PDB file of all heavy atoms in Angstrom:
ATOM      1  N   ALA A   1       6.241   5.114  -1.538  1.00  0.00           N
ATOM      2  CA  ALA A   1       6.659   4.029  -0.648  1.00  0.00           C
ATOM      3  C   ALA A   1       6.529   2.676  -1.334  1.00  0.00           C
ATOM      4  O   ALA A   1       7.443   1.841  -1.266  1.00  0.00           O
ATOM      5  CB  ALA A   1       5.839   4.054   0.640  1.00  0.00           C
ATOM      6  N   LEU A   2       5.404   2.443  -2.008  1.00  0.00           N
ATOM      7  CA  LEU A   2       5.179   1.145  -2.647  1.00  0.00           C
ATOM      8  C   LEU A   2       6.084   0.914  -3.852  1.00  0.00           C
ATOM      9  O   LEU A   2       6.236  -0.227  -4.297  1.00  0.00           O
ATOM     10  CB  LEU A   2       3.706   1.000  -3.043  1.00  0.00           C
ATOM     11  CG  LEU A   2       2.731   0.906  -1.862  1.00  0.00           C
ATOM     12  CD1 LEU A   2       1.296   0.881  -2.360  1.00  0.00           C
ATOM     13  CD2 LEU A   2       3.040  -0.301  -0.985  1.00  0.00           C
ATOM     14  N   ALA A   3       6.695   1.963  -4.372  1.00  0.00           N
ATOM     15  CA  ALA A   3       7.635   1.825  -5.489  1.00  0.00           C
ATOM     16  C   ALA A   3       9.001   1.310  -5.021  1.00  0.00           C
ATOM     17  O   ALA A   3       9.826   0.916  -5.833  1.00  0.00           O
ATOM     18  CB  ALA A   3       7.798   3.157  -6.208  1.00  0.00           C
ATOM     19  N   GLU A   4       9.211   1.289  -3.710  1.00  0.00           N
ATOM     20  CA  GLU A   4      10.464   0.790  -3.139  1.00  0.00           C
ATOM     21  C   GLU A   4      10.371  -0.711  -2.898  1.00  0.00           C
ATOM     22  O   GLU A   4       9.279  -1.267  -2.833  1.00  0.00           O
ATOM     23  CB  GLU A   4      10.747   1.495  -1.811  1.00  0.00           C
ATOM     24  CG  GLU A   4      10.921   2.988  -1.951  1.00  0.00           C
ATOM     25  CD  GLU A   4      10.994   3.696  -0.611  1.00  0.00           C
ATOM     26  OE1 GLU A   4      11.065   3.008   0.438  1.00  0.00           O
ATOM     27  OE2 GLU A   4      10.974   4.934  -0.609  1.00  0.00           O
ATOM     28  N   ASP A   5      11.515  -1.359  -2.719  1.00  0.00           N
ATOM     29  CA  ASP A   5      11.530  -2.781  -2.398  1.00  0.00           C
ATOM     30  C   ASP A   5      10.844  -2.995  -1.053  1.00  0.00           C
ATOM     31  O   ASP A   5      11.240  -2.409  -0.051  1.00  0.00           O
ATOM     32  CB  ASP A   5      12.975  -3.284  -2.345  1.00  0.00           C
ATOM     33  CG  ASP A   5      13.077  -4.761  -2.029  1.00  0.00           C
ATOM     34  OD1 ASP A   5      12.078  -5.498  -2.198  1.00  0.00           O
ATOM     35  OD2 ASP A   5      14.157  -5.200  -1.600  1.00  0.00           O
ATOM     36  N   GLY A   6       9.816  -3.821  -1.055  1.00  0.00           N
ATOM     37  CA  GLY A   6       9.047  -4.067   0.161  1.00  0.00           C
ATOM     38  C   GLY A   6       9.207  -5.463   0.718  1.00  0.00           C
ATOM     39  O   GLY A   6       8.380  -5.912   1.516  1.00  0.00           O
ATOM     40  N   GLU A   7      10.262  -6.158   0.326  1.00  0.00           N
ATOM     41  CA  GLU A   7      10.461  -7.538   0.765  1.00  0.00           C
ATOM     42  C   GLU A   7      10.326  -7.647   2.283  1.00  0.00           C
ATOM     43  O   GLU A   7      11.059  -6.994   3.029  1.00  0.00           O
ATOM     44  CB  GLU A   7      11.840  -8.032   0.333  1.00  0.00           C
ATOM     45  CG  GLU A   7      12.146  -9.449   0.786  1.00  0.00           C
ATOM     46  CD  GLU A   7      11.274 -10.499   0.122  1.00  0.00           C
ATOM     47  OE1 GLU A   7      10.954 -10.351  -1.079  1.00  0.00           O
ATOM     48  OE2 GLU A   7      10.901 -11.470   0.805  1.00  0.00           O
ATOM     49  N   GLY A   8       9.359  -8.462   2.733  1.00  0.00           N
ATOM     50  CA  GLY A   8       9.156  -8.711   4.155  1.00  0.00           C
ATOM     51  C   GLY A   8       8.495  -7.588   4.918  1.00  0.00           C
ATOM     52  O   GLY A   8       8.471  -7.604   6.149  1.00  0.00           O
ATOM     53  N   LYS A   9       7.910  -6.606   4.211  1.00  0.00           N
ATOM     54  CA  LYS A   9       7.348  -5.441   4.895  1.00  0.00           C
ATOM     55  C   LYS A   9       5.849  -5.275   4.632  1.00  0.00           C
ATOM     56  O   LYS A   9       5.318  -5.744   3.633  1.00  0.00           O
ATOM     57  CB  LYS A   9       8.083  -4.175   4.453  1.00  0.00           C
ATOM     58  CG  LYS A   9       9.551  -4.194   4.847  1.00  0.00           C
ATOM     59  CD  LYS A   9      10.270  -2.974   4.389  1.00  0.00           C
ATOM     60  CE  LYS A   9      11.747  -3.076   4.767  1.00  0.00           C
ATOM     61  NZ  LYS A   9      12.508  -1.997   4.178  1.00  0.00           N
ATOM     62  N   VAL A  10       5.209  -4.570   5.568  1.00  0.00           N
ATOM     63  CA  VAL A  10       3.795  -4.213   5.460  1.00  0.00           C
ATOM     64  C   VAL A  10       3.697  -2.703   5.613  1.00  0.00           C
ATOM     65  O   VAL A  10       4.217  -2.135   6.577  1.00  0.00           O
ATOM     66  CB  VAL A  10       2.947  -4.915   6.545  1.00  0.00           C
ATOM     67  CG1 VAL A  10       1.498  -4.431   6.518  1.00  0.00           C
ATOM     68  CG2 VAL A  10       3.005  -6.441   6.377  1.00  0.00           C
ATOM     69  N   LEU A  11       3.034  -2.048   4.662  1.00  0.00           N
ATOM     70  CA  LEU A  11       2.831  -0.607   4.728  1.00  0.00           C
ATOM     71  C   LEU A  11       1.568  -0.322   5.540  1.00  0.00           C
ATOM     72  O   LEU A  11       0.488  -0.788   5.198  1.00  0.00           O
ATOM     73  CB  LEU A  11       2.697  -0.011   3.321  1.00  0.00           C
ATOM     74  CG  LEU A  11       2.594   1.510   3.262  1.00  0.00           C
ATOM     75  CD1 LEU A  11       3.847   2.181   3.828  1.00  0.00           C
ATOM     76  CD2 LEU A  11       2.341   1.969   1.830  1.00  0.00           C
ATOM     77  N   VAL A  12       1.733   0.421   6.634  1.00  0.00           N
ATOM     78  CA  VAL A  12       0.610   0.827   7.479  1.00  0.00           C
ATOM     79  C   VAL A  12       0.372   2.309   7.224  1.00  0.00           C
ATOM     80  O   VAL A  12       1.238   3.138   7.496  1.00  0.00           O
ATOM     81  CB  VAL A  12       0.903   0.553   8.969  1.00  0.00           C
ATOM     82  CG1 VAL A  12      -0.219   1.101   9.848  1.00  0.00           C
ATOM     83  CG2 VAL A  12       1.096  -0.947   9.209  1.00  0.00           C
ATOM     84  N   ILE A  13      -0.820   2.619   6.693  1.00  0.00           N
ATOM     85  CA  ILE A  13      -1.151   3.981   6.287  1.00  0.00           C
ATOM     86  C   ILE A  13      -2.195   4.562   7.223  1.00  0.00           C
ATOM     87  O   ILE A  13      -3.320   4.065   7.292  1.00  0.00           O
ATOM     88  CB  ILE A  13      -1.712   4.002   4.848  1.00  0.00           C
ATOM     89  CG1 ILE A  13      -0.730   3.345   3.876  1.00  0.00           C
ATOM     90  CG2 ILE A  13      -2.051   5.425   4.427  1.00  0.00           C
ATOM     91  CD1 ILE A  13      -1.345   3.015   2.520  1.00  0.00           C
ATOM     92  N   ASP A  14      -1.814   5.613   7.945  1.00  0.00           N
ATOM     93  CA  ASP A  14      -2.778   6.356   8.751  1.00  0.00           C
ATOM     94  C   ASP A  14      -3.366   7.427   7.848  1.00  0.00           C
ATOM     95  O   ASP A  14      -2.774   8.471   7.627  1.00  0.00           O
ATOM     96  CB  ASP A  14      -2.096   6.990   9.964  1.00  0.00           C
ATOM     97  CG  ASP A  14      -3.060   7.784  10.832  1.00  0.00           C
ATOM     98  OD1 ASP A  14      -4.241   7.967  10.433  1.00  0.00           O
ATOM     99  OD2 ASP A  14      -2.635   8.229  11.910  1.00  0.00           O
ATOM    100  N   GLY A  15      -4.544   7.128   7.321  1.00  0.00           N
ATOM    101  CA  GLY A  15      -5.252   8.063   6.453  1.00  0.00           C
ATOM    102  C   GLY A  15      -6.263   8.894   7.209  1.00  0.00           C
ATOM    103  O   GLY A  15      -7.190   9.450   6.609  1.00  0.00           O
ATOM    104  N   GLY A  16      -6.097   8.963   8.533  1.00  0.00           N
ATOM    105  CA  GLY A  16      -7.001   9.766   9.348  1.00  0.00           C
ATOM    106  C   GLY A  16      -8.402   9.202   9.434  1.00  0.00           C
ATOM    107  O   GLY A  16      -9.314   9.864   9.918  1.00  0.00           O
ATOM    108  N   GLY A  17      -8.602   7.977   8.947  1.00  0.00           N
ATOM    109  CA  GLY A  17      -9.928   7.366   8.971  1.00  0.00           C
ATOM    110  C   GLY A  17     -10.889   7.979   7.961  1.00  0.00           C
ATOM    111  O   GLY A  17     -12.091   7.740   8.022  1.00  0.00           O
ATOM    112  N   SER A  18     -10.361   8.753   7.028  1.00  0.00           N
ATOM    113  CA  SER A  18     -11.220   9.423   6.045  1.00  0.00           C
ATOM    114  C   SER A  18     -11.977   8.413   5.183  1.00  0.00           C
ATOM    115  O   SER A  18     -11.384   7.464   4.667  1.00  0.00           O
ATOM    116  CB  SER A  18     -10.390  10.332   5.136  1.00  0.00           C
ATOM    117  OG  SER A  18     -11.220  10.855   4.113  1.00  0.00           O
ATOM    118  N   LEU A  19     -13.248   8.674   5.021  1.00  0.00           N
ATOM    119  CA  LEU A  19     -14.104   7.862   4.159  1.00  0.00           C
ATOM    120  C   LEU A  19     -14.532   8.652   2.930  1.00  0.00           C
ATOM    121  O   LEU A  19     -15.528   8.333   2.290  1.00  0.00           O
ATOM    122  CB  LEU A  19     -15.332   7.374   4.943  1.00  0.00           C
ATOM    123  CG  LEU A  19     -15.033   6.542   6.191  1.00  0.00           C
ATOM    124  CD1 LEU A  19     -16.327   6.173   6.909  1.00  0.00           C
ATOM    125  CD2 LEU A  19     -14.229   5.295   5.847  1.00  0.00           C
ATOM    126  N   ARG A  20     -13.753   9.688   2.565  1.00  0.00           N
ATOM    127  CA  ARG A  20     -14.145  10.580   1.464  1.00  0.00           C
ATOM    128  C   ARG A  20     -13.428  10.306   0.147  1.00  0.00           C
ATOM    129  O   ARG A  20     -13.810  10.868  -0.879  1.00  0.00           O
ATOM    130  CB  ARG A  20     -13.929  12.032   1.871  1.00  0.00           C
ATOM    131  CG  ARG A  20     -14.766  12.394   3.098  1.00  0.00           C
ATOM    132  CD  ARG A  20     -14.773  13.845   3.421  1.00  0.00           C
ATOM    133  NE  ARG A  20     -13.455  14.454   3.427  1.00  0.00           N
ATOM    134  CZ  ARG A  20     -13.231  15.696   3.825  1.00  0.00           C
ATOM    135  NH1 ARG A  20     -14.235  16.452   4.241  1.00  0.00           N
ATOM    136  NH2 ARG A  20     -12.022  16.201   3.811  1.00  0.00           N
ATOM    137  N   CYS A  21     -12.389   9.456   0.168  1.00  0.00           N
ATOM    138  CA  CYS A  21     -11.699   9.076  -1.066  1.00  0.00           C
ATOM    139  C   CYS A  21     -10.830   7.858  -0.769  1.00  0.00           C
ATOM    140  O   CYS A  21     -10.644   7.492   0.385  1.00  0.00           O
ATOM    141  CB  CYS A  21     -10.862  10.221  -1.616  1.00  0.00           C
ATOM    142  SG  CYS A  21      -9.454  10.675  -0.587  1.00  0.00           S
ATOM    143  N   ALA A  22     -10.293   7.254  -1.830  1.00  0.00           N
ATOM    144  CA  ALA A  22      -9.454   6.065  -1.687  1.00  0.00           C
ATOM    145  C   ALA A  22      -7.976   6.438  -1.715  1.00  0.00           C
ATOM    146  O   ALA A  22      -7.560   7.306  -2.479  1.00  0.00           O
ATOM    147  CB  ALA A  22      -9.753   5.088  -2.818  1.00  0.00           C
ATOM    148  N   LEU A  23      -7.202   5.749  -0.899  1.00  0.00           N
ATOM    149  CA  LEU A  23      -5.756   5.958  -0.861  1.00  0.00           C
ATOM    150  C   LEU A  23      -4.997   4.887  -1.641  1.00  0.00           C
ATOM    151  O   LEU A  23      -3.836   5.086  -1.987  1.00  0.00           O
ATOM    152  CB  LEU A  23      -5.254   5.988   0.581  1.00  0.00           C
ATOM    153  CG  LEU A  23      -5.753   7.164   1.417  1.00  0.00           C
ATOM    154  CD1 LEU A  23      -5.325   6.997   2.870  1.00  0.00           C
ATOM    155  CD2 LEU A  23      -5.249   8.483   0.841  1.00  0.00           C
ATOM    156  N   VAL A  24      -5.634   3.754  -1.899  1.00  0.00           N
ATOM    157  CA  VAL A  24      -5.016   2.658  -2.637  1.00  0.00           C
ATOM    158  C   VAL A  24      -6.025   2.126  -3.641  1.00  0.00           C
ATOM    159  O   VAL A  24      -7.195   1.933  -3.304  1.00  0.00           O
ATOM    160  CB  VAL A  24      -4.576   1.514  -1.686  1.00  0.00           C
ATOM    161  CG1 VAL A  24      -4.065   0.310  -2.466  1.00  0.00           C
ATOM    162  CG2 VAL A  24      -3.522   1.996  -0.704  1.00  0.00           C
ATOM    163  N   GLY A  25      -5.552   1.891  -4.869  1.00  0.00           N
ATOM    164  CA  GLY A  25      -6.359   1.274  -5.913  1.00  0.00           C
ATOM    165  C   GLY A  25      -5.612   0.105  -6.515  1.00  0.00           C
ATOM    166  O   GLY A  25      -4.535  -0.274  -6.043  1.00  0.00           O
ATOM    167  N   ASP A  26      -6.170  -0.458  -7.580  1.00  0.00           N
ATOM    168  CA  ASP A  26      -5.569  -1.655  -8.164  1.00  0.00           C
ATOM    169  C   ASP A  26      -4.156  -1.423  -8.685  1.00  0.00           C
ATOM    170  O   ASP A  26      -3.290  -2.287  -8.553  1.00  0.00           O
ATOM    171  CB  ASP A  26      -6.459  -2.244  -9.255  1.00  0.00           C
ATOM    172  CG  ASP A  26      -6.721  -1.299 -10.417  1.00  0.00           C
ATOM    173  OD1 ASP A  26      -6.507  -0.081 -10.292  1.00  0.00           O
ATOM    174  OD2 ASP A  26      -7.165  -1.795 -11.476  1.00  0.00           O
ATOM    175  N   GLN A  27      -3.875  -0.249  -9.237  1.00  0.00           N
ATOM    176  CA  GLN A  27      -2.536   0.006  -9.775  1.00  0.00           C
ATOM    177  C   GLN A  27      -1.480   0.025  -8.664  1.00  0.00           C
ATOM    178  O   GLN A  27      -0.372  -0.495  -8.842  1.00  0.00           O
ATOM    179  CB  GLN A  27      -2.507   1.323 -10.571  1.00  0.00           C
ATOM    180  CG  GLN A  27      -3.381   1.282 -11.811  1.00  0.00           C
ATOM    181  CD  GLN A  27      -3.024   0.137 -12.737  1.00  0.00           C
ATOM    182  OE1 GLN A  27      -1.866  -0.034 -13.116  1.00  0.00           O
ATOM    183  NE2 GLN A  27      -4.005  -0.685 -13.087  1.00  0.00           N
ATOM    184  N   LEU A  28      -1.828   0.593  -7.520  1.00  0.00           N
ATOM    185  CA  LEU A  28      -0.879   0.588  -6.398  1.00  0.00           C
ATOM    186  C   LEU A  28      -0.735  -0.815  -5.798  1.00  0.00           C
ATOM    187  O   LEU A  28       0.353  -1.192  -5.367  1.00  0.00           O
ATOM    188  CB  LEU A  28      -1.297   1.594  -5.329  1.00  0.00           C
ATOM    189  CG  LEU A  28      -1.142   3.065  -5.729  1.00  0.00           C
ATOM    190  CD1 LEU A  28      -1.506   3.970  -4.566  1.00  0.00           C
ATOM    191  CD2 LEU A  28       0.259   3.364  -6.226  1.00  0.00           C
ATOM    192  N   ALA A  29      -1.820  -1.579  -5.786  1.00  0.00           N
ATOM    193  CA  ALA A  29      -1.734  -2.959  -5.289  1.00  0.00           C
ATOM    194  C   ALA A  29      -0.853  -3.804  -6.206  1.00  0.00           C
ATOM    195  O   ALA A  29      -0.059  -4.629  -5.732  1.00  0.00           O
ATOM    196  CB  ALA A  29      -3.125  -3.561  -5.155  1.00  0.00           C
ATOM    197  N   ILE A  30      -0.976  -3.604  -7.511  1.00  0.00           N
ATOM    198  CA  ILE A  30      -0.109  -4.314  -8.468  1.00  0.00           C
ATOM    199  C   ILE A  30       1.351  -3.922  -8.228  1.00  0.00           C
ATOM    200  O   ILE A  30       2.242  -4.779  -8.182  1.00  0.00           O
ATOM    201  CB  ILE A  30      -0.533  -4.023  -9.918  1.00  0.00           C
ATOM    202  CG1 ILE A  30      -1.873  -4.700 -10.220  1.00  0.00           C
ATOM    203  CG2 ILE A  30       0.539  -4.471 -10.911  1.00  0.00           C
ATOM    204  CD1 ILE A  30      -2.524  -4.226 -11.516  1.00  0.00           C
ATOM    205  N   LEU A  31       1.606  -2.631  -8.079  1.00  0.00           N
ATOM    206  CA  LEU A  31       2.958  -2.146  -7.807  1.00  0.00           C
ATOM    207  C   LEU A  31       3.509  -2.776  -6.536  1.00  0.00           C
ATOM    208  O   LEU A  31       4.653  -3.250  -6.502  1.00  0.00           O
ATOM    209  CB  LEU A  31       2.958  -0.617  -7.698  1.00  0.00           C
ATOM    210  CG  LEU A  31       4.286   0.051  -7.353  1.00  0.00           C
ATOM    211  CD1 LEU A  31       5.330  -0.207  -8.432  1.00  0.00           C
ATOM    212  CD2 LEU A  31       4.073   1.553  -7.142  1.00  0.00           C
ATOM    213  N   ALA A  32       2.706  -2.799  -5.474  1.00  0.00           N
ATOM    214  CA  ALA A  32       3.133  -3.382  -4.198  1.00  0.00           C
ATOM    215  C   ALA A  32       3.481  -4.857  -4.371  1.00  0.00           C
ATOM    216  O   ALA A  32       4.495  -5.329  -3.848  1.00  0.00           O
ATOM    217  CB  ALA A  32       2.037  -3.204  -3.149  1.00  0.00           C
ATOM    218  N   HIS A  33       2.663  -5.572  -5.110  1.00  0.00           N
ATOM    219  CA  HIS A  33       2.933  -6.995  -5.352  1.00  0.00           C
ATOM    220  C   HIS A  33       4.240  -7.157  -6.131  1.00  0.00           C
ATOM    221  O   HIS A  33       5.076  -8.006  -5.784  1.00  0.00           O
ATOM    222  CB  HIS A  33       1.766  -7.622  -6.110  1.00  0.00           C
ATOM    223  CG  HIS A  33       2.004  -9.039  -6.495  1.00  0.00           C
ATOM    224  ND1 HIS A  33       2.068 -10.063  -5.577  1.00  0.00           N
ATOM    225  CD2 HIS A  33       2.221  -9.608  -7.701  1.00  0.00           C
ATOM    226  CE1 HIS A  33       2.300 -11.199  -6.196  1.00  0.00           C
ATOM    227  NE2 HIS A  33       2.409 -10.949  -7.496  1.00  0.00           N
ATOM    228  N   GLN A  34       4.441  -6.348  -7.155  1.00  0.00           N
ATOM    229  CA  GLN A  34       5.663  -6.420  -7.958  1.00  0.00           C
ATOM    230  C   GLN A  34       6.908  -6.107  -7.122  1.00  0.00           C
ATOM    231  O   GLN A  34       7.968  -6.686  -7.339  1.00  0.00           O
ATOM    232  CB  GLN A  34       5.590  -5.459  -9.142  1.00  0.00           C
ATOM    233  CG  GLN A  34       4.586  -5.871 -10.189  1.00  0.00           C
ATOM    234  CD  GLN A  34       4.354  -4.783 -11.236  1.00  0.00           C
ATOM    235  OE1 GLN A  34       4.653  -3.602 -11.022  1.00  0.00           O
ATOM    236  NE2 GLN A  34       3.800  -5.189 -12.365  1.00  0.00           N
ATOM    237  N   LYS A  35       6.767  -5.209  -6.157  1.00  0.00           N
ATOM    238  CA  LYS A  35       7.893  -4.805  -5.311  1.00  0.00           C
ATOM    239  C   LYS A  35       8.013  -5.665  -4.053  1.00  0.00           C
ATOM    240  O   LYS A  35       8.767  -5.346  -3.138  1.00  0.00           O
ATOM    241  CB  LYS A  35       7.778  -3.321  -4.933  1.00  0.00           C
ATOM    242  CG  LYS A  35       7.933  -2.393  -6.137  1.00  0.00           C
ATOM    243  CD  LYS A  35       9.342  -2.487  -6.694  1.00  0.00           C
ATOM    244  CE  LYS A  35       9.586  -1.455  -7.763  1.00  0.00           C
ATOM    245  NZ  LYS A  35      11.003  -1.389  -8.130  1.00  0.00           N
ATOM    246  N   ARG A  36       7.222  -6.734  -3.991  1.00  0.00           N
ATOM    247  CA  ARG A  36       7.297  -7.774  -2.950  1.00  0.00           C
ATOM    248  C   ARG A  36       6.826  -7.347  -1.566  1.00  0.00           C
ATOM    249  O   ARG A  36       7.262  -7.912  -0.562  1.00  0.00           O
ATOM    250  CB  ARG A  36       8.710  -8.351  -2.889  1.00  0.00           C
ATOM    251  CG  ARG A  36       9.175  -8.947  -4.196  1.00  0.00           C
ATOM    252  CD  ARG A  36      10.521  -9.572  -4.088  1.00  0.00           C
ATOM    253  NE  ARG A  36      11.464  -8.687  -3.422  1.00  0.00           N
ATOM    254  CZ  ARG A  36      12.659  -8.390  -3.887  1.00  0.00           C
ATOM    255  NH1 ARG A  36      13.083  -8.896  -4.993  1.00  0.00           N
ATOM    256  NH2 ARG A  36      13.461  -7.576  -3.208  1.00  0.00           N
ATOM    257  N   TRP A  37       5.969  -6.332  -1.478  1.00  0.00           N
ATOM    258  CA  TRP A  37       5.370  -5.992  -0.195  1.00  0.00           C
ATOM    259  C   TRP A  37       4.477  -7.154   0.228  1.00  0.00           C
ATOM    260  O   TRP A  37       3.817  -7.777  -0.596  1.00  0.00           O
ATOM    261  CB  TRP A  37       4.541  -4.711  -0.306  1.00  0.00           C
ATOM    262  CG  TRP A  37       5.380  -3.488  -0.438  1.00  0.00           C
ATOM    263  CD1 TRP A  37       5.900  -2.972  -1.597  1.00  0.00           C
ATOM    264  CD2 TRP A  37       5.815  -2.629   0.614  1.00  0.00           C
ATOM    265  NE1 TRP A  37       6.632  -1.840  -1.320  1.00  0.00           N
ATOM    266  CE2 TRP A  37       6.598  -1.606   0.026  1.00  0.00           C
ATOM    267  CE3 TRP A  37       5.612  -2.620   1.991  1.00  0.00           C
ATOM    268  CZ2 TRP A  37       7.174  -0.585   0.772  1.00  0.00           C
ATOM    269  CZ3 TRP A  37       6.190  -1.611   2.739  1.00  0.00           C
ATOM    270  CH2 TRP A  37       6.961  -0.616   2.139  1.00  0.00           C
ATOM    271  N   LYS A  38       4.429  -7.413   1.534  1.00  0.00           N
ATOM    272  CA  LYS A  38       3.574  -8.483   2.063  1.00  0.00           C
ATOM    273  C   LYS A  38       2.133  -8.019   2.197  1.00  0.00           C
ATOM    274  O   LYS A  38       1.206  -8.820   2.075  1.00  0.00           O
ATOM    275  CB  LYS A  38       4.087  -8.972   3.420  1.00  0.00           C
ATOM    276  CG  LYS A  38       5.439  -9.612   3.356  1.00  0.00           C
ATOM    277  CD  LYS A  38       5.399 -10.869   2.538  1.00  0.00           C
ATOM    278  CE  LYS A  38       6.756 -11.534   2.501  1.00  0.00           C
ATOM    279  NZ  LYS A  38       6.775 -12.674   1.596  1.00  0.00           N
ATOM    280  N   GLY A  39       1.950  -6.727   2.482  1.00  0.00           N
ATOM    281  CA  GLY A  39       0.591  -6.241   2.657  1.00  0.00           C
ATOM    282  C   GLY A  39       0.520  -4.751   2.880  1.00  0.00           C
ATOM    283  O   GLY A  39       1.546  -4.072   3.005  1.00  0.00           O
ATOM    284  N   ILE A  40      -0.731  -4.277   2.912  1.00  0.00           N
ATOM    285  CA  ILE A  40      -1.036  -2.865   3.129  1.00  0.00           C
ATOM    286  C   ILE A  40      -2.224  -2.797   4.085  1.00  0.00           C
ATOM    287  O   ILE A  40      -3.232  -3.464   3.873  1.00  0.00           O
ATOM    288  CB  ILE A  40      -1.426  -2.164   1.804  1.00  0.00           C
ATOM    289  CG1 ILE A  40      -0.366  -2.385   0.722  1.00  0.00           C
ATOM    290  CG2 ILE A  40      -1.679  -0.681   2.038  1.00  0.00           C
ATOM    291  CD1 ILE A  40      -0.827  -2.003  -0.681  1.00  0.00           C
ATOM    292  N   VAL A  41      -2.101  -1.976   5.120  1.00  0.00           N
ATOM    293  CA  VAL A  41      -3.206  -1.708   6.045  1.00  0.00           C
ATOM    294  C   VAL A  41      -3.525  -0.229   5.915  1.00  0.00           C
ATOM    295  O   VAL A  41      -2.643   0.611   6.099  1.00  0.00           O
ATOM    296  CB  VAL A  41      -2.832  -2.058   7.504  1.00  0.00           C
ATOM    297  CG1 VAL A  41      -3.959  -1.670   8.456  1.00  0.00           C
ATOM    298  CG2 VAL A  41      -2.504  -3.548   7.626  1.00  0.00           C
ATOM    299  N   VAL A  42      -4.786   0.081   5.592  1.00  0.00           N
ATOM    300  CA  VAL A  42      -5.194   1.460   5.335  1.00  0.00           C
ATOM    301  C   VAL A  42      -6.253   1.899   6.340  1.00  0.00           C
ATOM    302  O   VAL A  42      -7.365   1.357   6.338  1.00  0.00           O
ATOM    303  CB  VAL A  42      -5.762   1.625   3.902  1.00  0.00           C
ATOM    304  CG1 VAL A  42      -6.074   3.088   3.627  1.00  0.00           C
ATOM    305  CG2 VAL A  42      -4.816   1.061   2.861  1.00  0.00           C
TER     306      VAL A  42
END
């Protein structure tokens, strides 16, 4: 999803509330910024 053009969009991720691993790291945040996403809610 973050590899797509995100101009004007926010990715809302329902990760089931899991606290056992990460769904987003710095590389995905960089990708999101490059693809113009406004934000990510996890």
